Amino acid sequence: MVEITSFQLKEDISIEKFTKAAESMQEQFLAKQSGFLKRTLTVSEDGVWTDIVFWKDQGSFETAMQKAESSEHTLPFMDKIDFNSVKMMTTKPVLITE
């Protein structure tokens, strides 16, 4: 299962601050979740970020999302995001090449 979230940062947040928060959240929270496989975080030239997270299954994703709502390790990351810009979807991989 793949979680794809696009968003923009709040106006006063630098790329460096956000990247640091994203790395910390991945190390302290995401990587410790059952079913987490891998993550790619990208940013376009117009400032739209895309967070792509691969999960073993839908249940792993749902459990991690519930835990994220109250984790001290996710709040500094989420606090930097403009939630009015967030678009999230989940998809099922059909073909993966690396």
PDB file of N, CA and C in Angstrom:
ATOM      1  N   MET A   1       0.831  -1.157   0.000  1.00  0.00           N
ATOM      2  CA  MET A   1       0.000   0.000   0.000  1.00  0.00           C
ATOM      3  C   MET A   1       0.889   1.238   0.000  1.00  0.00           C
ATOM      4  N   VAL A   2       0.495   2.255  -0.735  1.00  0.00           N
ATOM      5  CA  VAL A   2       1.288   3.468  -0.824  1.00  0.00           C
ATOM      6  C   VAL A   2       0.431   4.654  -0.397  1.00  0.00           C
ATOM      7  N   GLU A   3       0.958   5.413   0.521  1.00  0.00           N
ATOM      8  CA  GLU A   3       0.327   6.652   0.998  1.00  0.00           C
ATOM      9  C   GLU A   3       1.020   7.807   0.285  1.00  0.00           C
ATOM     10  N   ILE A   4       0.241   8.635  -0.399  1.00  0.00           N
ATOM     11  CA  ILE A   4       0.800   9.785  -1.113  1.00  0.00           C
ATOM     12  C   ILE A   4       0.124  11.040  -0.580  1.00  0.00           C
ATOM     13  N   THR A   5       0.928  11.934  -0.012  1.00  0.00           N
ATOM     14  CA  THR A   5       0.405  13.172   0.556  1.00  0.00           C
ATOM     15  C   THR A   5       1.151  14.348  -0.054  1.00  0.00           C
ATOM     16  N   SER A   6       0.399  15.309  -0.584  1.00  0.00           N
ATOM     17  CA  SER A   6       1.020  16.535  -1.085  1.00  0.00           C
ATOM     18  C   SER A   6       0.571  17.691  -0.202  1.00  0.00           C
ATOM     19  N   PHE A   7       1.445  18.686  -0.076  1.00  0.00           N
ATOM     20  CA  PHE A   7       1.156  19.809   0.814  1.00  0.00           C
ATOM     21  C   PHE A   7       2.157  20.924   0.579  1.00  0.00           C
ATOM     22  N   GLN A   8       1.876  22.069   1.179  1.00  0.00           N
ATOM     23  CA  GLN A   8       2.806  23.188   1.203  1.00  0.00           C
ATOM     24  C   GLN A   8       3.133  23.483   2.665  1.00  0.00           C
ATOM     25  N   LEU A   9       4.244  24.151   2.880  1.00  0.00           N
ATOM     26  CA  LEU A   9       4.655  24.528   4.228  1.00  0.00           C
ATOM     27  C   LEU A   9       3.998  25.843   4.624  1.00  0.00           C
ATOM     28  N   LYS A  10       3.933  26.070   5.913  1.00  0.00           N
ATOM     29  CA  LYS A  10       3.501  27.378   6.401  1.00  0.00           C
ATOM     30  C   LYS A  10       4.517  28.416   5.922  1.00  0.00           C
ATOM     31  N   GLU A  11       4.091  29.640   5.771  1.00  0.00           N
ATOM     32  CA  GLU A  11       4.918  30.687   5.164  1.00  0.00           C
ATOM     33  C   GLU A  11       6.263  30.908   5.836  1.00  0.00           C
ATOM     34  N   ASP A  12       6.346  30.818   7.142  1.00  0.00           N
ATOM     35  CA  ASP A  12       7.582  31.158   7.846  1.00  0.00           C
ATOM     36  C   ASP A  12       8.534  29.978   8.048  1.00  0.00           C
ATOM     37  N   ILE A  13       8.271  28.849   7.410  1.00  0.00           N
ATOM     38  CA  ILE A  13       9.088  27.647   7.614  1.00  0.00           C
ATOM     39  C   ILE A  13      10.093  27.493   6.474  1.00  0.00           C
ATOM     40  N   SER A  14      11.357  27.367   6.825  1.00  0.00           N
ATOM     41  CA  SER A  14      12.400  27.175   5.815  1.00  0.00           C
ATOM     42  C   SER A  14      12.492  25.696   5.432  1.00  0.00           C
ATOM     43  N   ILE A  15      13.052  25.462   4.256  1.00  0.00           N
ATOM     44  CA  ILE A  15      13.263  24.085   3.809  1.00  0.00           C
ATOM     45  C   ILE A  15      14.161  23.343   4.792  1.00  0.00           C
ATOM     46  N   GLU A  16      15.172  24.021   5.317  1.00  0.00           N
ATOM     47  CA  GLU A  16      16.106  23.383   6.251  1.00  0.00           C
ATOM     48  C   GLU A  16      15.395  22.949   7.536  1.00  0.00           C
ATOM     49  N   LYS A  17      14.554  23.836   8.102  1.00  0.00           N
ATOM     50  CA  LYS A  17      13.822  23.477   9.318  1.00  0.00           C
ATOM     51  C   LYS A  17      12.894  22.296   9.071  1.00  0.00           C
ATOM     52  N   PHE A  18      12.199  22.345   7.926  1.00  0.00           N
ATOM     53  CA  PHE A  18      11.252  21.277   7.638  1.00  0.00           C
ATOM     54  C   PHE A  18      11.967  19.954   7.388  1.00  0.00           C
ATOM     55  N   THR A  19      13.046  19.991   6.642  1.00  0.00           N
ATOM     56  CA  THR A  19      13.796  18.767   6.356  1.00  0.00           C
ATOM     57  C   THR A  19      14.309  18.132   7.642  1.00  0.00           C
ATOM     58  N   LYS A  20      14.789  18.951   8.552  1.00  0.00           N
ATOM     59  CA  LYS A  20      15.263  18.440   9.843  1.00  0.00           C
ATOM     60  C   LYS A  20      14.123  17.766  10.619  1.00  0.00           C
ATOM     61  N   ALA A  21      12.951  18.413  10.627  1.00  0.00           N
ATOM     62  CA  ALA A  21      11.785  17.844  11.313  1.00  0.00           C
ATOM     63  C   ALA A  21      11.333  16.549  10.638  1.00  0.00           C
ATOM     64  N   ALA A  22      11.397  16.505   9.307  1.00  0.00           N
ATOM     65  CA  ALA A  22      11.008  15.302   8.562  1.00  0.00           C
ATOM     66  C   ALA A  22      11.947  14.140   8.861  1.00  0.00           C
ATOM     67  N   GLU A  23      13.231  14.413   8.927  1.00  0.00           N
ATOM     68  CA  GLU A  23      14.214  13.368   9.242  1.00  0.00           C
ATOM     69  C   GLU A  23      14.007  12.839  10.656  1.00  0.00           C
ATOM     70  N   SER A  24      13.779  13.744  11.594  1.00  0.00           N
ATOM     71  CA  SER A  24      13.557  13.338  12.981  1.00  0.00           C
ATOM     72  C   SER A  24      12.293  12.497  13.114  1.00  0.00           C
ATOM     73  N   MET A  25      11.226  12.919  12.465  1.00  0.00           N
ATOM     74  CA  MET A  25       9.975  12.168  12.525  1.00  0.00           C
ATOM     75  C   MET A  25      10.153  10.779  11.929  1.00  0.00           C
ATOM     76  N   GLN A  26      10.898  10.683  10.845  1.00  0.00           N
ATOM     77  CA  GLN A  26      11.111   9.377  10.241  1.00  0.00           C
ATOM     78  C   GLN A  26      11.908   8.466  11.169  1.00  0.00           C
ATOM     79  N   GLU A  27      12.980   8.990  11.766  1.00  0.00           N
ATOM     80  CA  GLU A  27      13.821   8.177  12.648  1.00  0.00           C
ATOM     81  C   GLU A  27      13.115   7.804  13.950  1.00  0.00           C
ATOM     82  N   GLN A  28      12.441   8.782  14.553  1.00  0.00           N
ATOM     83  CA  GLN A  28      11.854   8.578  15.879  1.00  0.00           C
ATOM     84  C   GLN A  28      10.459   7.946  15.862  1.00  0.00           C
ATOM     85  N   PHE A  29       9.754   8.045  14.740  1.00  0.00           N
ATOM     86  CA  PHE A  29       8.391   7.516  14.701  1.00  0.00           C
ATOM     87  C   PHE A  29       8.178   6.544  13.540  1.00  0.00           C
ATOM     88  N   LEU A  30       8.275   7.042  12.334  1.00  0.00           N
ATOM     89  CA  LEU A  30       7.882   6.272  11.160  1.00  0.00           C
ATOM     90  C   LEU A  30       8.634   4.951  11.032  1.00  0.00           C
ATOM     91  N   ALA A  31       9.939   4.992  11.155  1.00  0.00           N
ATOM     92  CA  ALA A  31      10.754   3.787  10.987  1.00  0.00           C
ATOM     93  C   ALA A  31      10.464   2.724  12.041  1.00  0.00           C
ATOM     94  N   LYS A  32       9.837   3.128  13.133  1.00  0.00           N
ATOM     95  CA  LYS A  32       9.547   2.189  14.220  1.00  0.00           C
ATOM     96  C   LYS A  32       8.146   1.575  14.112  1.00  0.00           C
ATOM     97  N   GLN A  33       7.398   1.969  13.079  1.00  0.00           N
ATOM     98  CA  GLN A  33       6.040   1.461  12.923  1.00  0.00           C
ATOM     99  C   GLN A  33       6.042   0.121  12.202  1.00  0.00           C
ATOM    100  N   SER A  34       5.238  -0.793  12.712  1.00  0.00           N
ATOM    101  CA  SER A  34       5.097  -2.098  12.084  1.00  0.00           C
ATOM    102  C   SER A  34       4.498  -1.921  10.686  1.00  0.00           C
ATOM    103  N   GLY A  35       5.107  -2.532   9.701  1.00  0.00           N
ATOM    104  CA  GLY A  35       4.598  -2.469   8.342  1.00  0.00           C
ATOM    105  C   GLY A  35       5.178  -1.348   7.504  1.00  0.00           C
ATOM    106  N   PHE A  36       5.988  -0.457   8.115  1.00  0.00           N
ATOM    107  CA  PHE A  36       6.639   0.607   7.335  1.00  0.00           C
ATOM    108  C   PHE A  36       7.717  -0.015   6.463  1.00  0.00           C
ATOM    109  N   LEU A  37       7.729   0.341   5.174  1.00  0.00           N
ATOM    110  CA  LEU A  37       8.724  -0.202   4.257  1.00  0.00           C
ATOM    111  C   LEU A  37       9.748   0.837   3.817  1.00  0.00           C
ATOM    112  N   LYS A  38       9.282   1.959   3.276  1.00  0.00           N
ATOM    113  CA  LYS A  38      10.213   2.994   2.841  1.00  0.00           C
ATOM    114  C   LYS A  38       9.454   4.294   2.596  1.00  0.00           C
ATOM    115  N   ARG A  39      10.221   5.371   2.416  1.00  0.00           N
ATOM    116  CA  ARG A  39       9.632   6.698   2.249  1.00  0.00           C
ATOM    117  C   ARG A  39      10.482   7.526   1.298  1.00  0.00           C
ATOM    118  N   THR A  40       9.804   8.344   0.502  1.00  0.00           N
ATOM    119  CA  THR A  40      10.466   9.328  -0.344  1.00  0.00           C
ATOM    120  C   THR A  40       9.753  10.658  -0.126  1.00  0.00           C
ATOM    121  N   LEU A  41      10.515  11.701   0.150  1.00  0.00           N
ATOM    122  CA  LEU A  41       9.972  13.045   0.343  1.00  0.00           C
ATOM    123  C   LEU A  41      10.570  13.936  -0.729  1.00  0.00           C
ATOM    124  N   THR A  42       9.696  14.607  -1.515  1.00  0.00           N
ATOM    125  CA  THR A  42      10.162  15.454  -2.602  1.00  0.00           C
ATOM    126  C   THR A  42       9.547  16.846  -2.489  1.00  0.00           C
ATOM    127  N   VAL A  43      10.167  17.811  -3.178  1.00  0.00           N
ATOM    128  CA  VAL A  43       9.596  19.157  -3.259  1.00  0.00           C
ATOM    129  C   VAL A  43       9.761  19.665  -4.687  1.00  0.00           C
ATOM    130  N   SER A  44       8.722  20.288  -5.212  1.00  0.00           N
ATOM    131  CA  SER A  44       8.774  20.846  -6.560  1.00  0.00           C
ATOM    132  C   SER A  44       9.281  22.286  -6.503  1.00  0.00           C
ATOM    133  N   GLU A  45       9.582  22.825  -7.648  1.00  0.00           N
ATOM    134  CA  GLU A  45      10.101  24.195  -7.705  1.00  0.00           C
ATOM    135  C   GLU A  45       9.091  25.214  -7.191  1.00  0.00           C
ATOM    136  N   ASP A  46       7.793  24.897  -7.279  1.00  0.00           N
ATOM    137  CA  ASP A  46       6.777  25.836  -6.796  1.00  0.00           C
ATOM    138  C   ASP A  46       6.390  25.597  -5.334  1.00  0.00           C
ATOM    139  N   GLY A  47       7.174  24.772  -4.622  1.00  0.00           N
ATOM    140  CA  GLY A  47       6.990  24.596  -3.188  1.00  0.00           C
ATOM    141  C   GLY A  47       5.958  23.569  -2.765  1.00  0.00           C
ATOM    142  N   VAL A  48       5.542  22.694  -3.680  1.00  0.00           N
ATOM    143  CA  VAL A  48       4.621  21.619  -3.314  1.00  0.00           C
ATOM    144  C   VAL A  48       5.455  20.395  -2.927  1.00  0.00           C
ATOM    145  N   TRP A  49       5.237  19.948  -1.706  1.00  0.00           N
ATOM    146  CA  TRP A  49       5.930  18.766  -1.192  1.00  0.00           C
ATOM    147  C   TRP A  49       5.085  17.535  -1.458  1.00  0.00           C
ATOM    148  N   THR A  50       5.750  16.405  -1.701  1.00  0.00           N
ATOM    149  CA  THR A  50       5.054  15.123  -1.852  1.00  0.00           C
ATOM    150  C   THR A  50       5.767  14.103  -0.973  1.00  0.00           C
ATOM    151  N   ASP A  51       5.001  13.529  -0.062  1.00  0.00           N
ATOM    152  CA  ASP A  51       5.517  12.522   0.866  1.00  0.00           C
ATOM    153  C   ASP A  51       4.928  11.185   0.430  1.00  0.00           C
ATOM    154  N   ILE A  52       5.790  10.266   0.012  1.00  0.00           N
ATOM    155  CA  ILE A  52       5.354   8.964  -0.494  1.00  0.00           C
ATOM    156  C   ILE A  52       5.856   7.898   0.470  1.00  0.00           C
ATOM    157  N   VAL A  53       4.922   7.201   1.106  1.00  0.00           N
ATOM    158  CA  VAL A  53       5.286   6.204   2.110  1.00  0.00           C
ATOM    159  C   VAL A  53       4.723   4.850   1.696  1.00  0.00           C
ATOM    160  N   PHE A  54       5.590   3.855   1.663  1.00  0.00           N
ATOM    161  CA  PHE A  54       5.191   2.495   1.324  1.00  0.00           C
ATOM    162  C   PHE A  54       4.949   1.711   2.614  1.00  0.00           C
ATOM    163  N   TRP A  55       3.802   1.047   2.669  1.00  0.00           N
ATOM    164  CA  TRP A  55       3.403   0.238   3.828  1.00  0.00           C
ATOM    165  C   TRP A  55       3.171  -1.205   3.383  1.00  0.00           C
ATOM    166  N   LYS A  56       3.346  -2.125   4.315  1.00  0.00           N
ATOM    167  CA  LYS A  56       3.116  -3.543   4.037  1.00  0.00           C
ATOM    168  C   LYS A  56       1.653  -3.782   3.660  1.00  0.00           C
ATOM    169  N   ASP A  57       0.733  -3.090   4.350  1.00  0.00           N
ATOM    170  CA  ASP A  57      -0.697  -3.282   4.090  1.00  0.00           C
ATOM    171  C   ASP A  57      -1.502  -2.112   4.651  1.00  0.00           C
ATOM    172  N   GLN A  58      -2.777  -2.090   4.354  1.00  0.00           N
ATOM    173  CA  GLN A  58      -3.673  -1.017   4.792  1.00  0.00           C
ATOM    174  C   GLN A  58      -3.738  -0.927   6.315  1.00  0.00           C
ATOM    175  N   GLY A  59      -3.758  -2.057   6.989  1.00  0.00           N
ATOM    176  CA  GLY A  59      -3.823  -2.068   8.446  1.00  0.00           C
ATOM    177  C   GLY A  59      -2.629  -1.393   9.093  1.00  0.00           C
ATOM    178  N   SER A  60      -1.451  -1.620   8.551  1.00  0.00           N
ATOM    179  CA  SER A  60      -0.239  -0.976   9.075  1.00  0.00           C
ATOM    180  C   SER A  60      -0.341   0.532   8.945  1.00  0.00           C
ATOM    181  N   PHE A  61      -0.804   0.985   7.792  1.00  0.00           N
ATOM    182  CA  PHE A  61      -0.990   2.412   7.549  1.00  0.00           C
ATOM    183  C   PHE A  61      -1.983   3.003   8.548  1.00  0.00           C
ATOM    184  N   GLU A  62      -3.128   2.376   8.708  1.00  0.00           N
ATOM    185  CA  GLU A  62      -4.175   2.892   9.595  1.00  0.00           C
ATOM    186  C   GLU A  62      -3.713   2.955  11.049  1.00  0.00           C
ATOM    187  N   THR A  63      -3.020   1.935  11.503  1.00  0.00           N
ATOM    188  CA  THR A  63      -2.507   1.919  12.878  1.00  0.00           C
ATOM    189  C   THR A  63      -1.500   3.044  13.088  1.00  0.00           C
ATOM    190  N   ALA A  64      -0.595   3.221  12.134  1.00  0.00           N
ATOM    191  CA  ALA A  64       0.410   4.282  12.240  1.00  0.00           C
ATOM    192  C   ALA A  64      -0.252   5.662  12.236  1.00  0.00           C
ATOM    193  N   MET A  65      -1.279   5.854  11.431  1.00  0.00           N
ATOM    194  CA  MET A  65      -1.971   7.146  11.377  1.00  0.00           C
ATOM    195  C   MET A  65      -2.624   7.466  12.730  1.00  0.00           C
ATOM    196  N   GLN A  66      -3.216   6.468  13.360  1.00  0.00           N
ATOM    197  CA  GLN A  66      -3.826   6.674  14.680  1.00  0.00           C
ATOM    198  C   GLN A  66      -2.770   7.062  15.704  1.00  0.00           C
ATOM    199  N   LYS A  67      -1.643   6.387  15.697  1.00  0.00           N
ATOM    200  CA  LYS A  67      -0.558   6.693  16.632  1.00  0.00           C
ATOM    201  C   LYS A  67       0.040   8.069  16.364  1.00  0.00           C
ATOM    202  N   ALA A  68       0.104   8.460  15.091  1.00  0.00           N
ATOM    203  CA  ALA A  68       0.720   9.739  14.709  1.00  0.00           C
ATOM    204  C   ALA A  68      -0.040  10.929  15.288  1.00  0.00           C
ATOM    205  N   GLU A  69      -1.337  10.776  15.463  1.00  0.00           N
ATOM    206  CA  GLU A  69      -2.162  11.882  15.964  1.00  0.00           C
ATOM    207  C   GLU A  69      -1.751  12.358  17.346  1.00  0.00           C
ATOM    208  N   SER A  70      -1.142  11.479  18.132  1.00  0.00           N
ATOM    209  CA  SER A  70      -0.789  11.860  19.501  1.00  0.00           C
ATOM    210  C   SER A  70       0.699  11.676  19.833  1.00  0.00           C
ATOM    211  N   SER A  71       1.499  11.390  18.827  1.00  0.00           N
ATOM    212  CA  SER A  71       2.925  11.155  19.081  1.00  0.00           C
ATOM    213  C   SER A  71       3.698  12.461  19.193  1.00  0.00           C
ATOM    214  N   GLU A  72       4.523  12.555  20.207  1.00  0.00           N
ATOM    215  CA  GLU A  72       5.382  13.727  20.373  1.00  0.00           C
ATOM    216  C   GLU A  72       6.413  13.833  19.248  1.00  0.00           C
ATOM    217  N   HIS A  73       6.661  12.746  18.537  1.00  0.00           N
ATOM    218  CA  HIS A  73       7.654  12.739  17.468  1.00  0.00           C
ATOM    219  C   HIS A  73       7.097  13.219  16.129  1.00  0.00           C
ATOM    220  N   THR A  74       5.775  13.235  15.982  1.00  0.00           N
ATOM    221  CA  THR A  74       5.186  13.682  14.720  1.00  0.00           C
ATOM    222  C   THR A  74       4.744  15.143  14.765  1.00  0.00           C
ATOM    223  N   LEU A  75       4.460  15.656  15.944  1.00  0.00           N
ATOM    224  CA  LEU A  75       3.931  17.013  16.052  1.00  0.00           C
ATOM    225  C   LEU A  75       4.850  18.104  15.514  1.00  0.00           C
ATOM    226  N   PRO A  76       6.161  18.092  15.775  1.00  0.00           N
ATOM    227  CA  PRO A  76       7.033  19.131  15.202  1.00  0.00           C
ATOM    228  C   PRO A  76       7.050  19.117  13.673  1.00  0.00           C
ATOM    229  N   PHE A  77       6.881  17.950  13.080  1.00  0.00           N
ATOM    230  CA  PHE A  77       6.796  17.816  11.623  1.00  0.00           C
ATOM    231  C   PHE A  77       5.466  18.380  11.114  1.00  0.00           C
ATOM    232  N   MET A  78       4.385  17.917  11.687  1.00  0.00           N
ATOM    233  CA  MET A  78       3.052  18.331  11.229  1.00  0.00           C
ATOM    234  C   MET A  78       2.783  19.810  11.478  1.00  0.00           C
ATOM    235  N   ASP A  79       3.390  20.361  12.507  1.00  0.00           N
ATOM    236  CA  ASP A  79       3.181  21.763  12.853  1.00  0.00           C
ATOM    237  C   ASP A  79       3.710  22.721  11.774  1.00  0.00           C
ATOM    238  N   LYS A  80       4.562  22.237  10.904  1.00  0.00           N
ATOM    239  CA  LYS A  80       5.172  23.083   9.871  1.00  0.00           C
ATOM    240  C   LYS A  80       4.387  23.064   8.551  1.00  0.00           C
ATOM    241  N   ILE A  81       3.352  22.237   8.481  1.00  0.00           N
ATOM    242  CA  ILE A  81       2.570  22.045   7.259  1.00  0.00           C
ATOM    243  C   ILE A  81       1.335  22.941   7.252  1.00  0.00           C
ATOM    244  N   ASP A  82       1.047  23.534   6.109  1.00  0.00           N
ATOM    245  CA  ASP A  82      -0.196  24.291   5.912  1.00  0.00           C
ATOM    246  C   ASP A  82      -1.298  23.270   5.626  1.00  0.00           C
ATOM    247  N   PHE A  83      -2.121  22.994   6.624  1.00  0.00           N
ATOM    248  CA  PHE A  83      -3.112  21.930   6.489  1.00  0.00           C
ATOM    249  C   PHE A  83      -4.219  22.253   5.489  1.00  0.00           C
ATOM    250  N   ASN A  84      -4.371  23.500   5.119  1.00  0.00           N
ATOM    251  CA  ASN A  84      -5.337  23.847   4.073  1.00  0.00           C
ATOM    252  C   ASN A  84      -4.872  23.370   2.699  1.00  0.00           C
ATOM    253  N   SER A  85      -3.601  23.036   2.574  1.00  0.00           N
ATOM    254  CA  SER A  85      -3.053  22.598   1.289  1.00  0.00           C
ATOM    255  C   SER A  85      -2.915  21.074   1.172  1.00  0.00           C
ATOM    256  N   VAL A  86      -3.217  20.341   2.218  1.00  0.00           N
ATOM    257  CA  VAL A  86      -2.968  18.894   2.252  1.00  0.00           C
ATOM    258  C   VAL A  86      -3.953  18.126   1.367  1.00  0.00           C
ATOM    259  N   LYS A  87      -3.380  17.231   0.570  1.00  0.00           N
ATOM    260  CA  LYS A  87      -4.162  16.279  -0.230  1.00  0.00           C
ATOM    261  C   LYS A  87      -3.542  14.912  -0.007  1.00  0.00           C
ATOM    262  N   MET A  88      -4.344  13.961   0.472  1.00  0.00           N
ATOM    263  CA  MET A  88      -3.817  12.630   0.781  1.00  0.00           C
ATOM    264  C   MET A  88      -4.639  11.567   0.071  1.00  0.00           C
ATOM    265  N   MET A  89      -3.929  10.559  -0.428  1.00  0.00           N
ATOM    266  CA  MET A  89      -4.607   9.397  -0.994  1.00  0.00           C
ATOM    267  C   MET A  89      -3.768   8.155  -0.738  1.00  0.00           C
ATOM    268  N   THR A  90      -4.430   7.019  -0.786  1.00  0.00           N
ATOM    269  CA  THR A  90      -3.724   5.753  -0.684  1.00  0.00           C
ATOM    270  C   THR A  90      -3.977   4.977  -1.972  1.00  0.00           C
ATOM    271  N   THR A  91      -2.961   4.252  -2.392  1.00  0.00           N
ATOM    272  CA  THR A  91      -3.057   3.484  -3.628  1.00  0.00           C
ATOM    273  C   THR A  91      -2.465   2.098  -3.423  1.00  0.00           C
ATOM    274  N   LYS A  92      -2.816   1.214  -4.314  1.00  0.00           N
ATOM    275  CA  LYS A  92      -2.292  -0.148  -4.275  1.00  0.00           C
ATOM    276  C   LYS A  92      -1.276  -0.303  -5.404  1.00  0.00           C
ATOM    277  N   PRO A  93      -0.032  -0.641  -5.091  1.00  0.00           N
ATOM    278  CA  PRO A  93       0.976  -0.803  -6.141  1.00  0.00           C
ATOM    279  C   PRO A  93       0.596  -1.917  -7.124  1.00  0.00           C
ATOM    280  N   VAL A  94       0.830  -1.667  -8.377  1.00  0.00           N
ATOM    281  CA  VAL A  94       0.597  -2.654  -9.415  1.00  0.00           C
ATOM    282  C   VAL A  94       1.939  -3.133  -9.984  1.00  0.00           C
ATOM    283  N   LEU A  95       2.870  -2.196 -10.134  1.00  0.00           N
ATOM    284  CA  LEU A  95       4.182  -2.520 -10.667  1.00  0.00           C
ATOM    285  C   LEU A  95       5.225  -1.695  -9.929  1.00  0.00           C
ATOM    286  N   ILE A  96       6.227  -2.345  -9.368  1.00  0.00           N
ATOM    287  CA  ILE A  96       7.306  -1.644  -8.677  1.00  0.00           C
ATOM    288  C   ILE A  96       8.624  -2.097  -9.297  1.00  0.00           C
ATOM    289  N   THR A  97       9.412  -1.120  -9.735  1.00  0.00           N
ATOM    290  CA  THR A  97      10.753  -1.426 -10.224  1.00  0.00           C
ATOM    291  C   THR A  97      11.737  -0.561  -9.483  1.00  0.00           C
ATOM    292  N   GLU A  98      12.906  -1.083  -9.229  1.00  0.00           N
ATOM    293  CA  GLU A  98      13.938  -0.317  -8.506  1.00  0.00           C
ATOM    294  C   GLU A  98      15.263  -0.479  -9.165  1.00  0.00           C
TER     295      GLU A  98
END
